[in-house]
Amino acid sequence: MPVPEAQVGDIKESQKVTFSVPAYPAQKFTAPIQRISHEVEEKSRTMPVELDVQNTDGKLSPGSYTTVQWPLDRSYPTLFVPTSAVTSDQQHTFVIRIRDSKADWVTVQTGLTVESDIEVFGDLKAGDQVVKAATDAIRSGDKVKMQPSAAAR
């Protein structure tokens, strides 16, 4: 299975992987990572990884497409923000941090996307407040009025 280049650094042989196939979308299968090629394919920017799947009941067909949940554990802490908090202009990708009621553009690189959140790398730290629906129309230095968070029901 091809693994995107950005995700191969944290997978290891013998790690268990969970996956599903279209024929059984509600069923989860598991298998250990057997081999990692350690060579990135230039065109797709992926690295082939092989799982050792026991198919004793014959449910899995050769060549089936799979949806894989790769076991990615970063060796360092990372931050996730809503995908809508990341925006771009012609020069860079950024989030808008709120400091002293003013917008502050923070250049970021993006990583993994998990559901509606995306991993970001840049000059941010846990607890920083960011604009949830970022746009380049909000300029760095603009005054920003914070809205209170919705109450849980």
N, C-alpha and C. Protein backbone atom coordinates (compact mmCIF):
# COMPACT_ATOMS: atom_id res chain seq x y z
N MET A 1 0.84 -1.18 0.00
CA MET A 1 0.00 0.00 0.00
C MET A 1 0.88 1.23 0.00
N PRO A 2 0.56 2.21 -0.81
CA PRO A 2 1.37 3.43 -0.82
C PRO A 2 1.02 4.34 0.36
N VAL A 3 2.04 4.78 1.08
CA VAL A 3 1.86 5.69 2.21
C VAL A 3 2.44 7.04 1.80
N PRO A 4 1.70 8.15 1.99
CA PRO A 4 2.24 9.46 1.63
C PRO A 4 3.55 9.73 2.35
N GLU A 5 4.47 10.36 1.62
CA GLU A 5 5.81 10.63 2.13
C GLU A 5 5.79 11.31 3.50
N ALA A 6 4.88 12.24 3.71
CA ALA A 6 4.82 12.99 4.97
C ALA A 6 4.45 12.11 6.15
N GLN A 7 3.93 10.91 5.90
CA GLN A 7 3.46 10.07 6.99
C GLN A 7 4.34 8.86 7.27
N VAL A 8 5.35 8.61 6.46
CA VAL A 8 6.13 7.38 6.63
C VAL A 8 7.11 7.44 7.79
N GLY A 9 7.48 8.61 8.23
CA GLY A 9 8.48 8.72 9.28
C GLY A 9 8.08 8.13 10.61
N ASP A 10 6.80 7.98 10.85
CA ASP A 10 6.35 7.52 12.15
C ASP A 10 5.76 6.11 12.14
N ILE A 11 5.85 5.39 11.02
CA ILE A 11 5.35 4.02 11.02
C ILE A 11 6.53 3.06 11.15
N LYS A 12 6.24 1.92 11.77
CA LYS A 12 7.31 0.95 12.03
C LYS A 12 6.82 -0.46 11.70
N GLU A 13 7.77 -1.29 11.31
CA GLU A 13 7.43 -2.69 11.06
C GLU A 13 6.86 -3.31 12.33
N SER A 14 5.92 -4.21 12.16
CA SER A 14 5.18 -4.95 13.19
C SER A 14 4.06 -4.16 13.85
N GLN A 15 3.95 -2.85 13.57
CA GLN A 15 2.81 -2.09 14.08
C GLN A 15 1.53 -2.64 13.49
N LYS A 16 0.47 -2.68 14.29
CA LYS A 16 -0.83 -3.13 13.81
C LYS A 16 -1.52 -1.98 13.07
N VAL A 17 -2.15 -2.33 11.96
CA VAL A 17 -2.86 -1.37 11.12
C VAL A 17 -4.30 -1.83 11.01
N THR A 18 -5.23 -0.87 11.10
CA THR A 18 -6.65 -1.16 10.93
C THR A 18 -7.05 -0.69 9.54
N PHE A 19 -7.86 -1.50 8.85
CA PHE A 19 -8.31 -1.12 7.50
C PHE A 19 -9.69 -1.68 7.24
N SER A 20 -10.33 -1.13 6.21
CA SER A 20 -11.63 -1.63 5.76
C SER A 20 -11.59 -1.75 4.24
N VAL A 21 -12.55 -2.49 3.71
CA VAL A 21 -12.68 -2.67 2.26
C VAL A 21 -14.11 -2.37 1.85
N PRO A 22 -14.34 -1.94 0.61
CA PRO A 22 -15.69 -1.57 0.17
C PRO A 22 -16.72 -2.70 0.33
N ALA A 23 -16.31 -3.95 0.17
CA ALA A 23 -17.26 -5.06 0.27
C ALA A 23 -17.83 -5.21 1.68
N TYR A 24 -17.08 -4.76 2.69
CA TYR A 24 -17.49 -4.87 4.10
C TYR A 24 -17.20 -3.54 4.80
N PRO A 25 -17.90 -2.47 4.44
CA PRO A 25 -17.54 -1.14 4.95
C PRO A 25 -17.67 -0.98 6.46
N ALA A 26 -18.52 -1.75 7.09
CA ALA A 26 -18.71 -1.63 8.54
C ALA A 26 -17.75 -2.51 9.33
N GLN A 27 -17.02 -3.38 8.66
CA GLN A 27 -16.11 -4.30 9.35
C GLN A 27 -14.68 -3.78 9.30
N LYS A 28 -14.00 -3.86 10.42
CA LYS A 28 -12.59 -3.45 10.51
C LYS A 28 -11.72 -4.70 10.51
N PHE A 29 -10.64 -4.65 9.74
CA PHE A 29 -9.66 -5.72 9.69
C PHE A 29 -8.35 -5.18 10.27
N THR A 30 -7.51 -6.03 10.79
CA THR A 30 -6.21 -5.59 11.29
C THR A 30 -5.13 -6.52 10.74
N ALA A 31 -3.95 -5.94 10.60
CA ALA A 31 -2.79 -6.69 10.13
C ALA A 31 -1.53 -5.93 10.54
N PRO A 32 -0.44 -6.64 10.78
CA PRO A 32 0.81 -5.94 11.10
C PRO A 32 1.53 -5.46 9.84
N ILE A 33 2.27 -4.37 9.98
CA ILE A 33 3.14 -3.91 8.90
C ILE A 33 4.28 -4.91 8.79
N GLN A 34 4.42 -5.49 7.63
CA GLN A 34 5.45 -6.52 7.43
C GLN A 34 6.73 -5.95 6.83
N ARG A 35 6.58 -5.09 5.81
CA ARG A 35 7.74 -4.54 5.12
C ARG A 35 7.51 -3.07 4.76
N ILE A 36 8.56 -2.28 4.88
CA ILE A 36 8.55 -0.88 4.47
C ILE A 36 9.69 -0.73 3.47
N SER A 37 9.40 -0.23 2.28
CA SER A 37 10.42 -0.19 1.23
C SER A 37 11.55 0.78 1.52
N HIS A 38 11.29 1.86 2.26
CA HIS A 38 12.27 2.90 2.56
C HIS A 38 12.78 3.61 1.31
N GLU A 39 11.95 3.60 0.25
CA GLU A 39 12.29 4.32 -0.98
C GLU A 39 11.03 5.03 -1.48
N VAL A 40 11.10 6.35 -1.57
CA VAL A 40 9.95 7.14 -2.01
C VAL A 40 9.85 7.09 -3.53
N GLU A 41 8.64 6.80 -4.03
CA GLU A 41 8.41 6.81 -5.47
C GLU A 41 8.25 8.27 -5.91
N GLU A 42 9.06 8.68 -6.88
CA GLU A 42 9.12 10.08 -7.28
C GLU A 42 7.79 10.65 -7.78
N LYS A 43 7.09 9.91 -8.62
CA LYS A 43 5.86 10.44 -9.23
C LYS A 43 4.74 10.62 -8.23
N SER A 44 4.55 9.67 -7.34
CA SER A 44 3.43 9.75 -6.40
C SER A 44 3.81 10.31 -5.04
N ARG A 45 5.12 10.43 -4.75
CA ARG A 45 5.63 10.88 -3.45
C ARG A 45 5.08 10.00 -2.33
N THR A 46 5.03 8.70 -2.60
CA THR A 46 4.58 7.72 -1.61
C THR A 46 5.66 6.65 -1.45
N MET A 47 5.55 5.91 -0.35
CA MET A 47 6.46 4.81 -0.08
C MET A 47 5.64 3.53 0.07
N PRO A 48 5.99 2.49 -0.69
CA PRO A 48 5.25 1.22 -0.56
C PRO A 48 5.47 0.58 0.82
N VAL A 49 4.37 0.13 1.39
CA VAL A 49 4.37 -0.57 2.68
C VAL A 49 3.51 -1.81 2.50
N GLU A 50 3.97 -2.93 3.03
CA GLU A 50 3.22 -4.18 2.90
C GLU A 50 2.73 -4.64 4.26
N LEU A 51 1.49 -5.13 4.27
CA LEU A 51 0.89 -5.70 5.47
C LEU A 51 0.85 -7.21 5.32
N ASP A 52 0.92 -7.92 6.40
CA ASP A 52 0.82 -9.37 6.39
C ASP A 52 -0.60 -9.73 6.85
N VAL A 53 -1.51 -9.90 5.89
CA VAL A 53 -2.93 -10.10 6.18
C VAL A 53 -3.27 -11.59 6.20
N GLN A 54 -3.85 -12.03 7.29
CA GLN A 54 -4.37 -13.40 7.38
C GLN A 54 -5.82 -13.36 6.87
N ASN A 55 -6.09 -14.06 5.80
CA ASN A 55 -7.40 -14.03 5.17
C ASN A 55 -8.04 -15.42 5.24
N THR A 56 -8.09 -15.98 6.43
CA THR A 56 -8.54 -17.37 6.60
C THR A 56 -10.00 -17.57 6.20
N ASP A 57 -10.84 -16.54 6.33
CA ASP A 57 -12.25 -16.69 5.96
C ASP A 57 -12.51 -16.33 4.50
N GLY A 58 -11.50 -15.87 3.78
CA GLY A 58 -11.63 -15.58 2.36
C GLY A 58 -12.42 -14.34 2.02
N LYS A 59 -12.70 -13.48 2.99
CA LYS A 59 -13.49 -12.27 2.73
C LYS A 59 -12.74 -11.25 1.88
N LEU A 60 -11.42 -11.21 2.00
CA LEU A 60 -10.64 -10.19 1.30
C LEU A 60 -10.21 -10.70 -0.07
N SER A 61 -10.43 -9.88 -1.08
CA SER A 61 -10.08 -10.26 -2.45
C SER A 61 -8.80 -9.55 -2.88
N PRO A 62 -7.92 -10.24 -3.59
CA PRO A 62 -6.71 -9.59 -4.09
C PRO A 62 -7.06 -8.39 -4.96
N GLY A 63 -6.33 -7.30 -4.78
CA GLY A 63 -6.54 -6.10 -5.59
C GLY A 63 -7.63 -5.18 -5.07
N SER A 64 -8.29 -5.54 -3.96
CA SER A 64 -9.34 -4.68 -3.40
C SER A 64 -8.75 -3.36 -2.92
N TYR A 65 -9.53 -2.30 -3.07
CA TYR A 65 -9.13 -1.02 -2.51
C TYR A 65 -9.36 -1.07 -1.01
N THR A 66 -8.48 -0.42 -0.27
CA THR A 66 -8.62 -0.39 1.18
C THR A 66 -8.59 1.04 1.68
N THR A 67 -9.23 1.23 2.81
CA THR A 67 -9.11 2.48 3.54
C THR A 67 -8.34 2.13 4.80
N VAL A 68 -7.16 2.72 4.94
CA VAL A 68 -6.25 2.34 6.01
C VAL A 68 -6.14 3.45 7.05
N GLN A 69 -6.11 3.06 8.32
CA GLN A 69 -5.84 4.00 9.40
C GLN A 69 -4.40 3.73 9.85
N TRP A 70 -3.47 4.54 9.35
CA TRP A 70 -2.06 4.34 9.67
C TRP A 70 -1.79 4.75 11.10
N PRO A 71 -1.03 3.96 11.84
CA PRO A 71 -0.73 4.27 13.25
C PRO A 71 0.39 5.30 13.36
N LEU A 72 0.01 6.56 13.31
CA LEU A 72 1.02 7.62 13.30
C LEU A 72 1.14 8.23 14.68
N ASP A 73 2.27 8.05 15.29
CA ASP A 73 2.57 8.64 16.59
C ASP A 73 3.77 9.55 16.41
N ARG A 74 3.55 10.83 16.56
CA ARG A 74 4.65 11.78 16.43
C ARG A 74 5.56 11.65 17.65
N SER A 75 6.83 11.81 17.44
CA SER A 75 7.79 11.77 18.54
C SER A 75 7.92 13.15 19.20
N TYR A 76 7.07 14.07 18.77
CA TYR A 76 7.08 15.43 19.29
C TYR A 76 5.63 15.93 19.28
N PRO A 77 5.30 16.89 20.13
CA PRO A 77 3.92 17.39 20.15
C PRO A 77 3.60 18.22 18.91
N THR A 78 2.36 18.11 18.43
CA THR A 78 1.92 18.93 17.30
C THR A 78 0.58 19.55 17.64
N LEU A 79 0.19 20.51 16.85
CA LEU A 79 -1.08 21.22 17.06
C LEU A 79 -2.02 20.95 15.89
N PHE A 80 -3.30 20.87 16.20
CA PHE A 80 -4.34 20.75 15.20
C PHE A 80 -5.27 21.93 15.34
N VAL A 81 -5.73 22.46 14.20
CA VAL A 81 -6.71 23.53 14.17
C VAL A 81 -7.81 23.10 13.19
N PRO A 82 -8.98 23.74 13.25
CA PRO A 82 -10.00 23.42 12.24
C PRO A 82 -9.44 23.70 10.83
N THR A 83 -9.80 22.87 9.86
CA THR A 83 -9.29 23.09 8.50
C THR A 83 -9.67 24.48 7.99
N SER A 84 -10.81 25.00 8.45
CA SER A 84 -11.25 26.33 8.02
C SER A 84 -10.38 27.45 8.58
N ALA A 85 -9.52 27.15 9.56
CA ALA A 85 -8.64 28.16 10.15
C ALA A 85 -7.37 28.38 9.34
N VAL A 86 -7.13 27.52 8.35
CA VAL A 86 -5.94 27.64 7.51
C VAL A 86 -6.34 28.25 6.17
N THR A 87 -5.61 29.26 5.75
CA THR A 87 -5.89 29.90 4.47
C THR A 87 -4.56 30.24 3.79
N SER A 88 -4.64 30.72 2.57
CA SER A 88 -3.43 31.03 1.80
C SER A 88 -3.63 32.30 1.00
N ASP A 89 -2.52 32.95 0.71
CA ASP A 89 -2.51 33.99 -0.30
C ASP A 89 -1.43 33.57 -1.31
N GLN A 90 -0.99 34.45 -2.16
CA GLN A 90 -0.02 34.05 -3.18
C GLN A 90 1.37 33.79 -2.61
N GLN A 91 1.65 34.27 -1.40
CA GLN A 91 2.98 34.09 -0.82
C GLN A 91 3.10 32.93 0.16
N HIS A 92 2.05 32.67 0.94
CA HIS A 92 2.20 31.66 1.99
C HIS A 92 0.86 31.13 2.50
N THR A 93 0.97 30.07 3.27
CA THR A 93 -0.18 29.47 3.96
C THR A 93 -0.09 29.92 5.41
N PHE A 94 -1.24 30.29 5.99
CA PHE A 94 -1.19 30.84 7.34
C PHE A 94 -2.49 30.60 8.10
N VAL A 95 -2.39 30.80 9.42
CA VAL A 95 -3.55 30.91 10.28
C VAL A 95 -3.52 32.32 10.85
N ILE A 96 -4.66 32.75 11.36
CA ILE A 96 -4.73 34.09 11.94
C ILE A 96 -4.88 33.92 13.45
N ARG A 97 -3.80 34.24 14.16
CA ARG A 97 -3.80 34.18 15.62
C ARG A 97 -4.35 35.51 16.13
N ILE A 98 -5.04 35.47 17.25
CA ILE A 98 -5.56 36.69 17.86
C ILE A 98 -4.70 37.02 19.07
N ARG A 99 -4.07 38.18 19.01
CA ARG A 99 -3.24 38.67 20.12
C ARG A 99 -3.63 40.10 20.42
N ASP A 100 -3.95 40.36 21.67
CA ASP A 100 -4.33 41.72 22.09
C ASP A 100 -5.42 42.30 21.20
N SER A 101 -6.41 41.45 20.87
CA SER A 101 -7.56 41.84 20.04
C SER A 101 -7.18 42.25 18.62
N LYS A 102 -6.02 41.81 18.15
CA LYS A 102 -5.59 42.11 16.79
C LYS A 102 -5.23 40.82 16.06
N ALA A 103 -5.45 40.84 14.75
CA ALA A 103 -5.11 39.70 13.91
C ALA A 103 -3.60 39.65 13.70
N ASP A 104 -3.07 38.43 13.75
CA ASP A 104 -1.64 38.22 13.55
C ASP A 104 -1.47 37.02 12.62
N TRP A 105 -1.05 37.26 11.39
CA TRP A 105 -0.85 36.16 10.45
C TRP A 105 0.35 35.33 10.89
N VAL A 106 0.17 34.02 10.97
CA VAL A 106 1.25 33.12 11.35
C VAL A 106 1.43 32.11 10.21
N THR A 107 2.57 32.16 9.56
CA THR A 107 2.86 31.23 8.47
C THR A 107 2.97 29.83 9.04
N VAL A 108 2.32 28.87 8.37
CA VAL A 108 2.33 27.48 8.83
C VAL A 108 2.57 26.55 7.65
N GLN A 109 3.02 25.37 7.99
CA GLN A 109 3.01 24.26 7.06
C GLN A 109 1.97 23.31 7.60
N THR A 110 1.30 22.59 6.71
CA THR A 110 0.25 21.68 7.15
C THR A 110 0.74 20.25 7.11
N GLY A 111 0.12 19.43 7.94
CA GLY A 111 0.45 18.02 8.00
C GLY A 111 -0.78 17.18 7.77
N LEU A 112 -1.06 16.32 8.71
CA LEU A 112 -2.17 15.38 8.59
C LEU A 112 -3.52 16.06 8.76
N THR A 113 -4.53 15.53 8.10
CA THR A 113 -5.90 15.96 8.29
C THR A 113 -6.63 14.82 8.99
N VAL A 114 -7.27 15.14 10.10
CA VAL A 114 -8.03 14.16 10.87
C VAL A 114 -9.43 14.73 11.04
N GLU A 115 -10.38 14.11 10.33
CA GLU A 115 -11.77 14.58 10.30
C GLU A 115 -11.80 16.04 9.87
N SER A 116 -12.22 16.98 10.73
CA SER A 116 -12.32 18.38 10.30
C SER A 116 -11.17 19.23 10.83
N ASP A 117 -10.12 18.59 11.33
CA ASP A 117 -8.96 19.31 11.84
C ASP A 117 -7.72 19.01 11.01
N ILE A 118 -6.78 19.95 11.00
CA ILE A 118 -5.54 19.77 10.26
C ILE A 118 -4.36 20.11 11.16
N GLU A 119 -3.30 19.33 11.02
CA GLU A 119 -2.09 19.54 11.79
C GLU A 119 -1.34 20.73 11.20
N VAL A 120 -0.83 21.61 12.07
CA VAL A 120 -0.08 22.77 11.60
C VAL A 120 1.25 22.88 12.33
N PHE A 121 2.25 23.35 11.59
CA PHE A 121 3.59 23.58 12.12
C PHE A 121 3.95 25.02 11.85
N GLY A 122 4.29 25.74 12.88
CA GLY A 122 4.66 27.14 12.75
C GLY A 122 4.82 27.75 14.13
N ASP A 123 4.84 29.05 14.19
CA ASP A 123 5.05 29.77 15.45
C ASP A 123 3.74 29.87 16.23
N LEU A 124 3.20 28.71 16.59
CA LEU A 124 1.97 28.63 17.39
C LEU A 124 2.25 27.76 18.60
N LYS A 125 1.45 27.95 19.64
CA LYS A 125 1.57 27.08 20.79
C LYS A 125 0.18 26.75 21.30
N ALA A 126 0.08 25.69 22.10
CA ALA A 126 -1.19 25.30 22.68
C ALA A 126 -1.77 26.48 23.44
N GLY A 127 -3.05 26.72 23.26
CA GLY A 127 -3.72 27.82 23.94
C GLY A 127 -3.85 29.07 23.09
N ASP A 128 -3.07 29.19 22.00
CA ASP A 128 -3.24 30.33 21.11
C ASP A 128 -4.65 30.31 20.53
N GLN A 129 -5.25 31.47 20.42
CA GLN A 129 -6.57 31.57 19.81
C GLN A 129 -6.40 31.94 18.35
N VAL A 130 -7.12 31.19 17.48
CA VAL A 130 -7.05 31.45 16.05
C VAL A 130 -8.44 31.70 15.50
N VAL A 131 -8.49 32.42 14.39
CA VAL A 131 -9.77 32.68 13.71
C VAL A 131 -10.22 31.37 13.08
N LYS A 132 -11.44 30.98 13.39
CA LYS A 132 -11.95 29.69 12.91
C LYS A 132 -12.22 29.69 11.41
N ALA A 133 -12.66 30.79 10.87
CA ALA A 133 -12.93 30.90 9.43
C ALA A 133 -11.99 31.95 8.85
N ALA A 134 -10.75 31.55 8.65
CA ALA A 134 -9.72 32.49 8.21
C ALA A 134 -9.90 32.86 6.74
N THR A 135 -9.49 34.07 6.42
CA THR A 135 -9.50 34.58 5.05
C THR A 135 -8.44 35.66 4.94
N ASP A 136 -7.87 35.83 3.75
CA ASP A 136 -6.85 36.87 3.61
C ASP A 136 -7.47 38.28 3.62
N ALA A 137 -8.80 38.36 3.71
CA ALA A 137 -9.46 39.66 3.86
C ALA A 137 -9.24 40.22 5.26
N ILE A 138 -8.95 39.34 6.22
CA ILE A 138 -8.58 39.79 7.57
C ILE A 138 -7.08 40.00 7.54
N ARG A 139 -6.66 41.24 7.56
CA ARG A 139 -5.25 41.58 7.43
C ARG A 139 -4.55 41.55 8.79
N SER A 140 -3.28 41.24 8.78
CA SER A 140 -2.49 41.26 10.00
C SER A 140 -2.53 42.68 10.57
N GLY A 141 -2.82 42.78 11.85
CA GLY A 141 -2.94 44.08 12.51
C GLY A 141 -4.37 44.57 12.64
N ASP A 142 -5.32 43.98 11.88
CA ASP A 142 -6.73 44.38 11.98
C ASP A 142 -7.24 44.09 13.39
N LYS A 143 -8.14 44.95 13.88
CA LYS A 143 -8.82 44.72 15.15
C LYS A 143 -9.77 43.54 14.97
N VAL A 144 -9.82 42.66 15.96
CA VAL A 144 -10.68 41.48 15.91
C VAL A 144 -11.51 41.45 17.17
N LYS A 145 -12.81 41.24 17.00
CA LYS A 145 -13.70 41.12 18.16
C LYS A 145 -13.99 39.64 18.36
N MET A 146 -13.72 39.13 19.53
CA MET A 146 -13.93 37.72 19.84
C MET A 146 -15.40 37.48 20.15
N GLN A 147 -15.91 36.35 19.65
CA GLN A 147 -17.25 35.91 19.98
C GLN A 147 -17.15 34.85 21.06
N PRO A 148 -18.05 34.86 22.02
CA PRO A 148 -18.00 33.83 23.06
C PRO A 148 -18.30 32.46 22.44
N SER A 149 -17.69 31.43 23.00
CA SER A 149 -17.93 30.06 22.52
C SER A 149 -19.36 29.66 22.80
N ALA A 150 -19.91 28.83 21.92
CA ALA A 150 -21.27 28.33 22.12
C ALA A 150 -21.28 27.42 23.34
N ALA A 151 -22.35 27.49 24.09
CA ALA A 151 -22.49 26.65 25.28
C ALA A 151 -22.82 25.22 24.88
N ALA A 152 -22.27 24.27 25.59
CA ALA A 152 -22.56 22.85 25.32
C ALA A 152 -23.97 22.54 25.77
N ARG A 153 -24.62 21.64 25.02
CA ARG A 153 -26.00 21.26 25.39
C ARG A 153 -26.02 19.87 25.91
